[in-house]
PDB file of N, CA and C in Angstrom:
ATOM      1  N   MET A   1     231.801  53.073 120.672  1.00  0.00           N
ATOM      2  CA  MET A   1     231.817  51.695 120.962  1.00  0.00           C
ATOM      3  C   MET A   1     231.944  51.275 122.418  1.00  0.00           C
ATOM      4  N   ILE A   2     231.330  50.499 122.236  1.00  0.00           N
ATOM      5  CA  ILE A   2     231.484  49.788 123.686  1.00  0.00           C
ATOM      6  C   ILE A   2     231.776  48.560 124.055  1.00  0.00           C
ATOM      7  N   GLY A   3     232.330  47.474 122.986  1.00  0.00           N
ATOM      8  CA  GLY A   3     232.826  46.168 123.446  1.00  0.00           C
ATOM      9  C   GLY A   3     234.319  46.097 122.211  1.00  0.00           C
ATOM     10  N   LEU A   4     234.699  45.602 122.989  1.00  0.00           N
ATOM     11  CA  LEU A   4     235.808  45.441 121.208  1.00  0.00           C
ATOM     12  C   LEU A   4     236.280  43.891 121.573  1.00  0.00           C
ATOM     13  N   ALA A   5     236.727  42.790 120.208  1.00  0.00           N
ATOM     14  CA  ALA A   5     237.369  41.681 120.174  1.00  0.00           C
ATOM     15  C   ALA A   5     237.777  41.916 119.329  1.00  0.00           C
ATOM     16  N   CYS A   6     239.603  40.771 119.202  1.00  0.00           N
ATOM     17  CA  CYS A   6     240.047  40.302 117.905  1.00  0.00           C
ATOM     18  C   CYS A   6     240.354  39.371 118.017  1.00  0.00           C
ATOM     19  N   ARG A   7     240.831  38.986 116.783  1.00  0.00           N
ATOM     20  CA  ARG A   7     241.913  37.772 116.615  1.00  0.00           C
ATOM     21  C   ARG A   7     242.987  37.957 115.549  1.00  0.00           C
ATOM     22  N   LEU A   8     244.230  38.111 116.108  1.00  0.00           N
ATOM     23  CA  LEU A   8     245.312  38.308 115.178  1.00  0.00           C
ATOM     24  C   LEU A   8     246.334  37.492 115.194  1.00  0.00           C
ATOM     25  N   PRO A   9     246.919  37.245 114.165  1.00  0.00           N
ATOM     26  CA  PRO A   9     248.022  36.438 114.600  1.00  0.00           C
ATOM     27  C   PRO A   9     248.976  36.865 115.326  1.00  0.00           C
ATOM     28  N   GLY A  10     249.516  35.427 116.264  1.00  0.00           N
ATOM     29  CA  GLY A  10     250.248  35.763 117.568  1.00  0.00           C
ATOM     30  C   GLY A  10     249.333  36.730 118.478  1.00  0.00           C
ATOM     31  N   ALA A  11     247.807  36.915 118.490  1.00  0.00           N
ATOM     32  CA  ALA A  11     247.116  37.889 119.740  1.00  0.00           C
ATOM     33  C   ALA A  11     245.984  37.334 119.661  1.00  0.00           C
ATOM     34  N   ALA A  12     245.685  36.565 120.493  1.00  0.00           N
ATOM     35  CA  ALA A  12     244.179  35.928 120.176  1.00  0.00           C
ATOM     36  C   ALA A  12     242.978  36.817 121.012  1.00  0.00           C
ATOM     37  N   ASP A  13     243.458  37.954 121.273  1.00  0.00           N
ATOM     38  CA  ASP A  13     242.438  38.979 122.241  1.00  0.00           C
ATOM     39  C   ASP A  13     243.363  40.354 122.222  1.00  0.00           C
ATOM     40  N   PRO A  14     242.468  41.842 122.360  1.00  0.00           N
ATOM     41  CA  PRO A  14     243.322  42.818 122.429  1.00  0.00           C
ATOM     42  C   PRO A  14     244.350  42.824 123.341  1.00  0.00           C
ATOM     43  N   ALA A  15     244.259  42.049 124.420  1.00  0.00           N
ATOM     44  CA  ALA A  15     245.281  42.774 125.595  1.00  0.00           C
ATOM     45  C   ALA A  15     246.818  42.223 124.708  1.00  0.00           C
ATOM     46  N   ALA A  16     246.399  40.450 124.323  1.00  0.00           N
ATOM     47  CA  ALA A  16     247.440  39.944 124.051  1.00  0.00           C
ATOM     48  C   ALA A  16     247.876  40.931 122.394  1.00  0.00           C
ATOM     49  N   PHE A  17     247.057  41.295 121.819  1.00  0.00           N
ATOM     50  CA  PHE A  17     247.507  42.401 120.593  1.00  0.00           C
ATOM     51  C   PHE A  17     248.139  43.469 121.321  1.00  0.00           C
ATOM     52  N   TRP A  18     247.692  44.097 121.978  1.00  0.00           N
ATOM     53  CA  TRP A  18     248.721  45.568 123.002  1.00  0.00           C
ATOM     54  C   TRP A  18     249.895  44.662 123.331  1.00  0.00           C
ATOM     55  N   ARG A  19     250.370  43.812 123.854  1.00  0.00           N
ATOM     56  CA  ARG A  19     251.444  43.113 124.154  1.00  0.00           C
ATOM     57  C   ARG A  19     252.297  43.302 123.098  1.00  0.00           C
ATOM     58  N   LEU A  20     251.845  42.489 121.943  1.00  0.00           N
ATOM     59  CA  LEU A  20     252.419  42.246 120.606  1.00  0.00           C
ATOM     60  C   LEU A  20     253.000  43.608 120.419  1.00  0.00           C
ATOM     61  N   LEU A  21     252.005  44.540 120.127  1.00  0.00           N
ATOM     62  CA  LEU A  21     252.353  45.943 119.888  1.00  0.00           C
ATOM     63  C   LEU A  21     253.766  46.742 120.915  1.00  0.00           C
ATOM     64  N   SER A  22     253.698  46.384 122.156  1.00  0.00           N
ATOM     65  CA  SER A  22     254.428  47.110 122.923  1.00  0.00           C
ATOM     66  C   SER A  22     255.783  46.246 122.704  1.00  0.00           C
ATOM     67  N   GLU A  23     255.647  45.084 122.586  1.00  0.00           N
ATOM     68  CA  GLU A  23     257.117  44.565 123.018  1.00  0.00           C
ATOM     69  C   GLU A  23     257.965  44.307 121.531  1.00  0.00           C
ATOM     70  N   GLY A  24     256.821  44.899 120.214  1.00  0.00           N
ATOM     71  CA  GLY A  24     257.593  45.223 119.142  1.00  0.00           C
ATOM     72  C   GLY A  24     257.746  43.626 118.568  1.00  0.00           C
ATOM     73  N   ALA A  25     256.991  42.808 119.149  1.00  0.00           N
ATOM     74  CA  ALA A  25     257.226  41.468 118.470  1.00  0.00           C
ATOM     75  C   ALA A  25     256.817  41.077 117.059  1.00  0.00           C
ATOM     76  N   ASP A  26     257.335  40.089 116.302  1.00  0.00           N
ATOM     77  CA  ASP A  26     257.320  39.910 115.126  1.00  0.00           C
ATOM     78  C   ASP A  26     256.145  38.130 115.361  1.00  0.00           C
ATOM     79  N   ALA A  27     254.976  38.974 114.359  1.00  0.00           N
ATOM     80  CA  ALA A  27     254.201  37.538 114.436  1.00  0.00           C
ATOM     81  C   ALA A  27     254.425  36.560 113.181  1.00  0.00           C
ATOM     82  N   ILE A  28     255.027  36.921 112.631  1.00  0.00           N
ATOM     83  CA  ILE A  28     254.884  36.082 111.585  1.00  0.00           C
ATOM     84  C   ILE A  28     256.060  34.756 111.827  1.00  0.00           C
ATOM     85  N   THR A  29     255.708  33.447 111.286  1.00  0.00           N
ATOM     86  CA  THR A  29     256.128  32.337 111.641  1.00  0.00           C
ATOM     87  C   THR A  29     256.186  31.232 110.487  1.00  0.00           C
ATOM     88  N   ASP A  30     256.538  30.129 110.798  1.00  0.00           N
ATOM     89  CA  ASP A  30     256.563  29.368 109.472  1.00  0.00           C
ATOM     90  C   ASP A  30     255.406  28.972 109.229  1.00  0.00           C
ATOM     91  N   VAL A  31     254.982  28.546 108.373  1.00  0.00           N
ATOM     92  CA  VAL A  31     253.508  27.648 108.030  1.00  0.00           C
ATOM     93  C   VAL A  31     253.158  26.571 109.182  1.00  0.00           C
ATOM     94  N   PRO A  32     252.288  26.494 109.883  1.00  0.00           N
ATOM     95  CA  PRO A  32     251.703  25.288 110.912  1.00  0.00           C
ATOM     96  C   PRO A  32     251.744  24.177 109.887  1.00  0.00           C
ATOM     97  N   PRO A  33     252.286  23.556 110.293  1.00  0.00           N
ATOM     98  CA  PRO A  33     252.395  22.043 109.689  1.00  0.00           C
ATOM     99  C   PRO A  33     250.453  21.479 109.185  1.00  0.00           C
ATOM    100  N   ASP A  34     249.674  22.016 110.432  1.00  0.00           N
ATOM    101  CA  ASP A  34     248.642  21.666 109.916  1.00  0.00           C
ATOM    102  C   ASP A  34     247.620  22.195 108.634  1.00  0.00           C
ATOM    103  N   ARG A  35     248.451  23.443 108.327  1.00  0.00           N
ATOM    104  CA  ARG A  35     247.590  24.288 107.158  1.00  0.00           C
ATOM    105  C   ARG A  35     248.057  23.647 105.755  1.00  0.00           C
ATOM    106  N   TRP A  36     249.026  23.481 105.655  1.00  0.00           N
ATOM    107  CA  TRP A  36     249.415  23.020 104.274  1.00  0.00           C
ATOM    108  C   TRP A  36     250.599  22.095 104.079  1.00  0.00           C
ATOM    109  N   ASP A  37     251.170  20.993 103.381  1.00  0.00           N
ATOM    110  CA  ASP A  37     252.117  20.204 103.335  1.00  0.00           C
ATOM    111  C   ASP A  37     253.036  21.066 102.375  1.00  0.00           C
ATOM    112  N   GLY A  38     254.258  21.875 102.945  1.00  0.00           N
ATOM    113  CA  GLY A  38     255.269  22.485 102.243  1.00  0.00           C
ATOM    114  C   GLY A  38     255.633  21.644 101.401  1.00  0.00           C
ATOM    115  N   ALA A  39     256.046  20.741 101.512  1.00  0.00           N
ATOM    116  CA  ALA A  39     256.594  19.617 100.271  1.00  0.00           C
ATOM    117  C   ALA A  39     255.944  19.633  99.304  1.00  0.00           C
ATOM    118  N   ALA A  40     254.540  19.250  99.794  1.00  0.00           N
ATOM    119  CA  ALA A  40     253.687  18.807  98.937  1.00  0.00           C
ATOM    120  C   ALA A  40     253.015  20.145  97.443  1.00  0.00           C
ATOM    121  N   VAL A  41     253.344  21.154  98.649  1.00  0.00           N
ATOM    122  CA  VAL A  41     252.686  22.304  97.487  1.00  0.00           C
ATOM    123  C   VAL A  41     253.671  23.319  97.321  1.00  0.00           C
ATOM    124  N   GLY A  42     254.749  23.239  97.707  1.00  0.00           N
ATOM    125  CA  GLY A  42     255.620  23.939  97.586  1.00  0.00           C
ATOM    126  C   GLY A  42     256.865  23.898  96.543  1.00  0.00           C
ATOM    127  N   ASP A  43     257.086  25.067  96.057  1.00  0.00           N
ATOM    128  CA  ASP A  43     257.833  25.310  94.335  1.00  0.00           C
ATOM    129  C   ASP A  43     258.302  26.604  94.817  1.00  0.00           C
ATOM    130  N   ALA A  44     259.832  26.559  94.729  1.00  0.00           N
ATOM    131  CA  ALA A  44     260.440  27.753  94.346  1.00  0.00           C
ATOM    132  C   ALA A  44     260.180  29.159  93.291  1.00  0.00           C
ATOM    133  N   ASP A  45     259.353  28.442  92.150  1.00  0.00           N
ATOM    134  CA  ASP A  45     258.668  29.446  91.252  1.00  0.00           C
ATOM    135  C   ASP A  45     257.724  29.326  91.624  1.00  0.00           C
ATOM    136  N   PRO A  46     257.185  31.177  92.023  1.00  0.00           N
ATOM    137  CA  PRO A  46     255.782  31.330  92.057  1.00  0.00           C
ATOM    138  C   PRO A  46     255.198  31.426  90.863  1.00  0.00           C
ATOM    139  N   SER A  47     255.498  31.138  90.282  1.00  0.00           N
ATOM    140  CA  SER A  47     254.120  31.214  88.959  1.00  0.00           C
ATOM    141  C   SER A  47     254.070  29.826  88.422  1.00  0.00           C
ATOM    142  N   ALA A  48     254.395  28.728  89.166  1.00  0.00           N
ATOM    143  CA  ALA A  48     254.255  27.000  89.196  1.00  0.00           C
ATOM    144  C   ALA A  48     252.782  27.398  89.248  1.00  0.00           C
ATOM    145  N   PRO A  49     252.165  26.778  88.609  1.00  0.00           N
ATOM    146  CA  PRO A  49     250.951  26.443  88.928  1.00  0.00           C
ATOM    147  C   PRO A  49     250.014  25.661  90.305  1.00  0.00           C
ATOM    148  N   GLY A  50     249.055  25.893  90.993  1.00  0.00           N
ATOM    149  CA  GLY A  50     248.826  25.038  91.903  1.00  0.00           C
ATOM    150  C   GLY A  50     250.053  24.985  93.120  1.00  0.00           C
ATOM    151  N   ARG A  51     251.024  25.617  93.130  1.00  0.00           N
ATOM    152  CA  ARG A  51     252.184  25.664  93.877  1.00  0.00           C
ATOM    153  C   ARG A  51     252.058  26.994  94.811  1.00  0.00           C
ATOM    154  N   THR A  52     252.740  27.192  95.796  1.00  0.00           N
ATOM    155  CA  THR A  52     253.573  27.943  95.981  1.00  0.00           C
ATOM    156  C   THR A  52     254.753  28.371  96.785  1.00  0.00           C
ATOM    157  N   ASP A  53     255.029  29.546  97.082  1.00  0.00           N
ATOM    158  CA  ASP A  53     256.884  29.698  97.366  1.00  0.00           C
ATOM    159  C   ASP A  53     256.480  30.327  98.509  1.00  0.00           C
ATOM    160  N   ILE A  54     255.109  30.344  99.549  1.00  0.00           N
ATOM    161  CA  ILE A  54     255.296  30.779 100.565  1.00  0.00           C
ATOM    162  C   ILE A  54     255.848  29.915 101.855  1.00  0.00           C
ATOM    163  N   ARG A  55     256.559  29.984 102.767  1.00  0.00           N
ATOM    164  CA  ARG A  55     257.079  29.373 103.637  1.00  0.00           C
ATOM    165  C   ARG A  55     257.015  29.805 104.950  1.00  0.00           C
ATOM    166  N   ARG A  56     256.636  31.476 105.103  1.00  0.00           N
ATOM    167  CA  ARG A  56     255.883  31.870 106.311  1.00  0.00           C
ATOM    168  C   ARG A  56     254.962  32.737 106.152  1.00  0.00           C
ATOM    169  N   GLY A  57     254.032  33.184 107.426  1.00  0.00           N
ATOM    170  CA  GLY A  57     253.215  34.010 107.366  1.00  0.00           C
ATOM    171  C   GLY A  57     252.745  33.987 108.399  1.00  0.00           C
ATOM    172  N   GLY A  58     251.440  35.205 108.935  1.00  0.00           N
ATOM    173  CA  GLY A  58     250.962  35.368 109.857  1.00  0.00           C
ATOM    174  C   GLY A  58     249.539  34.435 109.900  1.00  0.00           C
ATOM    175  N   PHE A  59     249.416  33.682 110.625  1.00  0.00           N
ATOM    176  CA  PHE A  59     248.610  32.736 111.266  1.00  0.00           C
ATOM    177  C   PHE A  59     247.913  32.637 112.125  1.00  0.00           C
ATOM    178  N   LEU A  60     246.335  32.268 112.159  1.00  0.00           N
ATOM    179  CA  LEU A  60     245.595  32.653 112.991  1.00  0.00           C
ATOM    180  C   LEU A  60     245.756  30.969 114.292  1.00  0.00           C
ATOM    181  N   ASP A  61     245.865  31.275 115.183  1.00  0.00           N
ATOM    182  CA  ASP A  61     245.833  29.494 115.920  1.00  0.00           C
ATOM    183  C   ASP A  61     244.557  29.419 116.021  1.00  0.00           C
ATOM    184  N   ARG A  62     244.610  28.023 116.346  1.00  0.00           N
ATOM    185  CA  ARG A  62     243.031  27.237 117.027  1.00  0.00           C
ATOM    186  C   ARG A  62     241.721  27.571 115.807  1.00  0.00           C
ATOM    187  N   ILE A  63     242.249  27.572 114.268  1.00  0.00           N
ATOM    188  CA  ILE A  63     241.384  28.116 113.273  1.00  0.00           C
ATOM    189  C   ILE A  63     240.312  26.908 113.265  1.00  0.00           C
ATOM    190  N   GLY A  64     240.871  25.938 113.250  1.00  0.00           N
ATOM    191  CA  GLY A  64     239.725  24.301 113.655  1.00  0.00           C
ATOM    192  C   GLY A  64     238.510  24.467 114.777  1.00  0.00           C
ATOM    193  N   HIS A  65     238.844  25.245 116.262  1.00  0.00           N
ATOM    194  CA  HIS A  65     237.961  24.798 117.278  1.00  0.00           C
ATOM    195  C   HIS A  65     236.667  25.896 116.763  1.00  0.00           C
ATOM    196  N   PHE A  66     235.506  25.115 117.467  1.00  0.00           N
ATOM    197  CA  PHE A  66     234.621  26.422 116.960  1.00  0.00           C
ATOM    198  C   PHE A  66     233.334  25.357 117.492  1.00  0.00           C
ATOM    199  N   ASP A  67     232.528  26.011 118.971  1.00  0.00           N
ATOM    200  CA  ASP A  67     231.694  25.678 119.672  1.00  0.00           C
ATOM    201  C   ASP A  67     230.283  25.339 119.138  1.00  0.00           C
ATOM    202  N   ALA A  68     230.040  24.531 117.925  1.00  0.00           N
ATOM    203  CA  ALA A  68     228.937  25.090 117.015  1.00  0.00           C
ATOM    204  C   ALA A  68     227.485  24.571 118.389  1.00  0.00           C
ATOM    205  N   GLY A  69     227.597  24.091 118.827  1.00  0.00           N
ATOM    206  CA  GLY A  69     226.246  24.001 119.664  1.00  0.00           C
ATOM    207  C   GLY A  69     225.844  24.883 120.397  1.00  0.00           C
ATOM    208  N   PHE A  70     226.782  26.043 120.545  1.00  0.00           N
ATOM    209  CA  PHE A  70     227.017  27.058 121.694  1.00  0.00           C
ATOM    210  C   PHE A  70     226.342  28.149 121.097  1.00  0.00           C
ATOM    211  N   PHE A  71     226.518  28.152 119.324  1.00  0.00           N
ATOM    212  CA  PHE A  71     225.940  28.984 118.604  1.00  0.00           C
ATOM    213  C   PHE A  71     224.529  27.960 117.898  1.00  0.00           C
ATOM    214  N   GLY A  72     224.043  27.414 118.544  1.00  0.00           N
ATOM    215  CA  GLY A  72     223.014  26.792 118.081  1.00  0.00           C
ATOM    216  C   GLY A  72     223.359  26.346 116.052  1.00  0.00           C
ATOM    217  N   VAL A  73     224.611  26.047 116.125  1.00  0.00           N
ATOM    218  CA  VAL A  73     224.929  25.214 114.551  1.00  0.00           C
ATOM    219  C   VAL A  73     224.784  23.768 114.626  1.00  0.00           C
ATOM    220  N   SER A  74     224.390  23.152 114.034  1.00  0.00           N
ATOM    221  CA  SER A  74     224.471  21.841 113.456  1.00  0.00           C
ATOM    222  C   SER A  74     226.036  21.074 113.185  1.00  0.00           C
ATOM    223  N   PRO A  75     226.738  20.502 113.779  1.00  0.00           N
ATOM    224  CA  PRO A  75     228.025  20.031 113.295  1.00  0.00           C
ATOM    225  C   PRO A  75     228.014  19.746 111.979  1.00  0.00           C
ATOM    226  N   LYS A  76     226.896  19.686 111.279  1.00  0.00           N
ATOM    227  CA  LYS A  76     227.325  19.695 109.464  1.00  0.00           C
ATOM    228  C   LYS A  76     227.062  20.972 109.124  1.00  0.00           C
ATOM    229  N   GLU A  77     226.263  21.938 109.524  1.00  0.00           N
ATOM    230  CA  GLU A  77     226.141  22.908 109.136  1.00  0.00           C
ATOM    231  C   GLU A  77     227.589  23.606 109.575  1.00  0.00           C
ATOM    232  N   ALA A  78     228.528  23.311 110.509  1.00  0.00           N
ATOM    233  CA  ALA A  78     229.668  23.981 111.111  1.00  0.00           C
ATOM    234  C   ALA A  78     230.862  23.864 110.279  1.00  0.00           C
ATOM    235  N   ALA A  79     230.636  22.349 109.909  1.00  0.00           N
ATOM    236  CA  ALA A  79     231.832  21.774 108.967  1.00  0.00           C
ATOM    237  C   ALA A  79     231.645  22.756 107.634  1.00  0.00           C
ATOM    238  N   ALA A  80     230.767  22.719 107.071  1.00  0.00           N
ATOM    239  CA  ALA A  80     230.322  23.715 105.841  1.00  0.00           C
ATOM    240  C   ALA A  80     230.805  25.156 105.879  1.00  0.00           C
ATOM    241  N   MET A  81     230.742  25.886 107.128  1.00  0.00           N
ATOM    242  CA  MET A  81     231.015  27.236 107.585  1.00  0.00           C
ATOM    243  C   MET A  81     232.577  27.501 107.113  1.00  0.00           C
ATOM    244  N   ASP A  82     232.191  28.731 106.213  1.00  0.00           N
ATOM    245  CA  ASP A  82     233.738  29.473 105.941  1.00  0.00           C
ATOM    246  C   ASP A  82     234.425  29.820 107.195  1.00  0.00           C
ATOM    247  N   PRO A  83     235.270  29.544 107.992  1.00  0.00           N
ATOM    248  CA  PRO A  83     235.843  29.808 109.440  1.00  0.00           C
ATOM    249  C   PRO A  83     235.859  31.341 109.446  1.00  0.00           C
ATOM    250  N   GLN A  84     235.785  32.006 108.321  1.00  0.00           N
ATOM    251  CA  GLN A  84     235.519  33.378 108.820  1.00  0.00           C
ATOM    252  C   GLN A  84     234.251  33.548 108.862  1.00  0.00           C
ATOM    253  N   GLN A  85     233.092  32.867 108.986  1.00  0.00           N
ATOM    254  CA  GLN A  85     232.081  33.065 109.705  1.00  0.00           C
ATOM    255  C   GLN A  85     232.009  32.341 110.656  1.00  0.00           C
ATOM    256  N   ARG A  86     232.574  31.665 111.043  1.00  0.00           N
ATOM    257  CA  ARG A  86     233.191  30.977 112.831  1.00  0.00           C
ATOM    258  C   ARG A  86     233.444  31.975 113.563  1.00  0.00           C
ATOM    259  N   LEU A  87     234.561  32.898 113.001  1.00  0.00           N
ATOM    260  CA  LEU A  87     235.074  34.082 113.618  1.00  0.00           C
ATOM    261  C   LEU A  87     234.182  35.190 114.157  1.00  0.00           C
ATOM    262  N   VAL A  88     233.598  35.245 112.894  1.00  0.00           N
ATOM    263  CA  VAL A  88     232.568  36.625 113.067  1.00  0.00           C
ATOM    264  C   VAL A  88     231.891  36.114 114.399  1.00  0.00           C
ATOM    265  N   LEU A  89     231.168  34.976 114.315  1.00  0.00           N
ATOM    266  CA  LEU A  89     230.529  34.749 115.472  1.00  0.00           C
ATOM    267  C   LEU A  89     230.826  34.911 116.789  1.00  0.00           C
ATOM    268  N   GLU A  90     232.228  34.073 116.937  1.00  0.00           N
ATOM    269  CA  GLU A  90     232.817  34.029 117.991  1.00  0.00           C
ATOM    270  C   GLU A  90     233.368  35.486 118.817  1.00  0.00           C
ATOM    271  N   LEU A  91     233.747  36.576 117.896  1.00  0.00           N
ATOM    272  CA  LEU A  91     233.946  37.323 118.170  1.00  0.00           C
ATOM    273  C   LEU A  91     233.196  38.480 118.464  1.00  0.00           C
ATOM    274  N   ALA A  92     231.970  38.315 117.729  1.00  0.00           N
ATOM    275  CA  ALA A  92     230.729  38.951 118.276  1.00  0.00           C
ATOM    276  C   ALA A  92     230.286  38.917 119.191  1.00  0.00           C
ATOM    277  N   TRP A  93     230.518  37.489 120.270  1.00  0.00           N
ATOM    278  CA  TRP A  93     230.218  37.369 120.802  1.00  0.00           C
ATOM    279  C   TRP A  93     230.784  37.800 122.147  1.00  0.00           C
ATOM    280  N   GLU A  94     232.267  37.631 121.894  1.00  0.00           N
ATOM    281  CA  GLU A  94     233.773  38.258 122.814  1.00  0.00           C
ATOM    282  C   GLU A  94     233.275  39.934 122.711  1.00  0.00           C
ATOM    283  N   ALA A  95     233.073  40.816 121.506  1.00  0.00           N
ATOM    284  CA  ALA A  95     232.891  42.084 121.890  1.00  0.00           C
ATOM    285  C   ALA A  95     231.664  41.945 123.079  1.00  0.00           C
ATOM    286  N   LEU A  96     230.411  41.533 122.944  1.00  0.00           N
ATOM    287  CA  LEU A  96     229.462  41.847 123.928  1.00  0.00           C
ATOM    288  C   LEU A  96     229.952  41.237 125.237  1.00  0.00           C
ATOM    289  N   GLU A  97     230.654  40.187 125.617  1.00  0.00           N
ATOM    290  CA  GLU A  97     231.382  40.089 126.703  1.00  0.00           C
ATOM    291  C   GLU A  97     231.860  41.332 127.513  1.00  0.00           C
ATOM    292  N   ASP A  98     232.658  42.050 126.300  1.00  0.00           N
ATOM    293  CA  ASP A  98     233.961  42.550 126.450  1.00  0.00           C
ATOM    294  C   ASP A  98     233.103  43.989 127.455  1.00  0.00           C
ATOM    295  N   ALA A  99     231.912  43.880 126.386  1.00  0.00           N
ATOM    296  CA  ALA A  99     231.347  45.417 126.996  1.00  0.00           C
ATOM    297  C   ALA A  99     230.238  45.158 127.754  1.00  0.00           C
ATOM    298  N   HIS A 100     230.374  43.791 128.304  1.00  0.00           N
ATOM    299  CA  HIS A 100     229.553  43.743 129.496  1.00  0.00           C
ATOM    300  C   HIS A 100     227.681  43.656 129.334  1.00  0.00           C
ATOM    301  N   VAL A 101     227.329  43.414 128.038  1.00  0.00           N
ATOM    302  CA  VAL A 101     226.356  43.423 127.395  1.00  0.00           C
ATOM    303  C   VAL A 101     226.051  41.668 127.481  1.00  0.00           C
ATOM    304  N   ARG A 102     224.503  41.671 127.687  1.00  0.00           N
ATOM    305  CA  ARG A 102     224.059  40.067 127.381  1.00  0.00           C
ATOM    306  C   ARG A 102     223.147  40.404 126.154  1.00  0.00           C
ATOM    307  N   ALA A 103     223.560  39.468 125.168  1.00  0.00           N
ATOM    308  CA  ALA A 103     223.171  39.387 123.700  1.00  0.00           C
ATOM    309  C   ALA A 103     221.446  39.421 123.896  1.00  0.00           C
ATOM    310  N   GLY A 104     220.918  38.784 124.657  1.00  0.00           N
ATOM    311  CA  GLY A 104     219.893  38.969 124.662  1.00  0.00           C
ATOM    312  C   GLY A 104     218.973  40.326 125.124  1.00  0.00           C
ATOM    313  N   THR A 105     219.348  41.030 125.624  1.00  0.00           N
ATOM    314  CA  THR A 105     218.753  42.824 125.703  1.00  0.00           C
ATOM    315  C   THR A 105     219.147  43.302 124.510  1.00  0.00           C
ATOM    316  N   LEU A 106     219.708  42.709 123.539  1.00  0.00           N
ATOM    317  CA  LEU A 106     219.859  43.552 122.297  1.00  0.00           C
ATOM    318  C   LEU A 106     218.704  43.782 121.245  1.00  0.00           C
ATOM    319  N   ARG A 107     217.740  42.381 121.494  1.00  0.00           N
ATOM    320  CA  ARG A 107     216.474  42.642 120.654  1.00  0.00           C
ATOM    321  C   ARG A 107     215.953  43.843 120.169  1.00  0.00           C
ATOM    322  N   SER A 108     215.211  44.356 119.253  1.00  0.00           N
ATOM    323  CA  SER A 108     214.684  45.478 119.086  1.00  0.00           C
ATOM    324  C   SER A 108     215.446  46.122 119.441  1.00  0.00           C
ATOM    325  N   THR A 109     216.418  46.627 119.493  1.00  0.00           N
ATOM    326  CA  THR A 109     217.581  47.847 119.537  1.00  0.00           C
ATOM    327  C   THR A 109     218.158  48.420 118.573  1.00  0.00           C
ATOM    328  N   ARG A 110     218.388  49.403 118.685  1.00  0.00           N
ATOM    329  CA  ARG A 110     219.302  50.420 117.415  1.00  0.00           C
ATOM    330  C   ARG A 110     220.542  49.764 117.784  1.00  0.00           C
ATOM    331  N   THR A 111     221.332  48.542 117.317  1.00  0.00           N
ATOM    332  CA  THR A 111     222.199  47.959 117.560  1.00  0.00           C
ATOM    333  C   THR A 111     223.221  47.946 116.445  1.00  0.00           C
ATOM    334  N   GLY A 112     224.572  48.284 116.226  1.00  0.00           N
ATOM    335  CA  GLY A 112     225.449  48.141 114.980  1.00  0.00           C
ATOM    336  C   GLY A 112     226.480  47.097 115.692  1.00  0.00           C
ATOM    337  N   VAL A 113     226.605  46.628 113.991  1.00  0.00           N
ATOM    338  CA  VAL A 113     227.825  45.715 114.654  1.00  0.00           C
ATOM    339  C   VAL A 113     228.630  45.596 113.207  1.00  0.00           C
ATOM    340  N   PHE A 114     230.081  46.108 113.436  1.00  0.00           N
ATOM    341  CA  PHE A 114     230.952  46.666 112.675  1.00  0.00           C
ATOM    342  C   PHE A 114     231.857  45.511 112.737  1.00  0.00           C
ATOM    343  N   VAL A 115     232.466  44.891 111.466  1.00  0.00           N
ATOM    344  CA  VAL A 115     233.417  43.868 111.398  1.00  0.00           C
ATOM    345  C   VAL A 115     234.200  44.393 110.179  1.00  0.00           C
ATOM    346  N   ASN A 116     235.648  44.479 110.610  1.00  0.00           N
ATOM    347  CA  ASN A 116     236.480  44.558 109.956  1.00  0.00           C
ATOM    348  C   ASN A 116     237.346  43.100 109.496  1.00  0.00           C
ATOM    349  N   MET A 117     237.735  42.710 107.979  1.00  0.00           N
ATOM    350  CA  MET A 117     238.444  41.759 107.841  1.00  0.00           C
ATOM    351  C   MET A 117     239.225  41.610 106.700  1.00  0.00           C
ATOM    352  N   GLN A 118     240.602  41.242 107.108  1.00  0.00           N
ATOM    353  CA  GLN A 118     241.398  41.322 105.884  1.00  0.00           C
ATOM    354  C   GLN A 118     241.923  40.340 105.812  1.00  0.00           C
ATOM    355  N   VAL A 119     242.004  39.681 104.345  1.00  0.00           N
ATOM    356  CA  VAL A 119     242.631  38.141 104.204  1.00  0.00           C
ATOM    357  C   VAL A 119     243.150  38.743 103.313  1.00  0.00           C
ATOM    358  N   ARG A 120     244.600  37.824 102.765  1.00  0.00           N
ATOM    359  CA  ARG A 120     245.243  37.967 101.903  1.00  0.00           C
ATOM    360  C   ARG A 120     246.398  36.641 101.685  1.00  0.00           C
ATOM    361  N   CYS A 121     245.999  35.917 100.458  1.00  0.00           N
ATOM    362  CA  CYS A 121     246.491  34.786 100.569  1.00  0.00           C
ATOM    363  C   CYS A 121     247.812  34.840  99.376  1.00  0.00           C
ATOM    364  N   THR A 122     248.673  34.370  99.081  1.00  0.00           N
ATOM    365  CA  THR A 122     249.112  34.247  97.789  1.00  0.00           C
ATOM    366  C   THR A 122     249.720  33.325  97.735  1.00  0.00           C
ATOM    367  N   CYS A 123     249.390  33.074  96.741  1.00  0.00           N
ATOM    368  CA  CYS A 123     249.284  31.094  96.237  1.00  0.00           C
ATOM    369  C   CYS A 123     249.414  31.179  94.704  1.00  0.00           C
ATOM    370  N   GLY A 124     250.736  30.904  94.402  1.00  0.00           N
ATOM    371  CA  GLY A 124     250.541  30.453  92.508  1.00  0.00           C
ATOM    372  C   GLY A 124     250.398  32.316  92.275  1.00  0.00           C
ATOM    373  N   GLY A 125     250.903  33.122  92.602  1.00  0.00           N
ATOM    374  CA  GLY A 125     251.125  34.536  92.044  1.00  0.00           C
ATOM    375  C   GLY A 125     249.615  35.296  92.437  1.00  0.00           C
ATOM    376  N   ALA A 126     248.956  34.617  92.569  1.00  0.00           N
ATOM    377  CA  ALA A 126     247.175  35.199  92.627  1.00  0.00           C
ATOM    378  C   ALA A 126     247.217  35.924  94.248  1.00  0.00           C
ATOM    379  N   THR A 127     246.503  37.120  94.596  1.00  0.00           N
ATOM    380  CA  THR A 127     246.678  37.730  95.525  1.00  0.00           C
ATOM    381  C   THR A 127     244.657  38.042  95.685  1.00  0.00           C
TER     382      THR A 127
END
C-alpha cells in the first residue's frame, strides 16, 4: 500500500482519524439538521412505518460538496450520482496525492484500487 485516504465521522482524513483515536473522542453527534427533519420523521416507536427513532449517529461532514468539474462529471450527472460514488472518486484521488503519484502515470500499469465502505442505516426497524 502506498497511499491512504479516508472520510469518517469526526475525521476528514487519516491524520484526523488518528487524532480521534488517540484522544478517545466520540464522533457520535445529533443528526445534522440538513440530513432530515427529526420532528417530521421521528417517532419513539421504531416499528412505525416511514419513521425513525434515531436521534444521534456518526455523520460525514460536507456530503453535498463535490467538485464535479474536477472529475469531468457534468452537473446533471453529479446530481444523480450516489454520494458514495462521489466519495470514492474523491478518496481515490486523495490516496494518489498521499502516495505522491500523478494519476496520469498509472495508465496501462498493474495498479489496484481497494475500497472498503460500510454503511448502516437504521430506519423504521430495517438495516
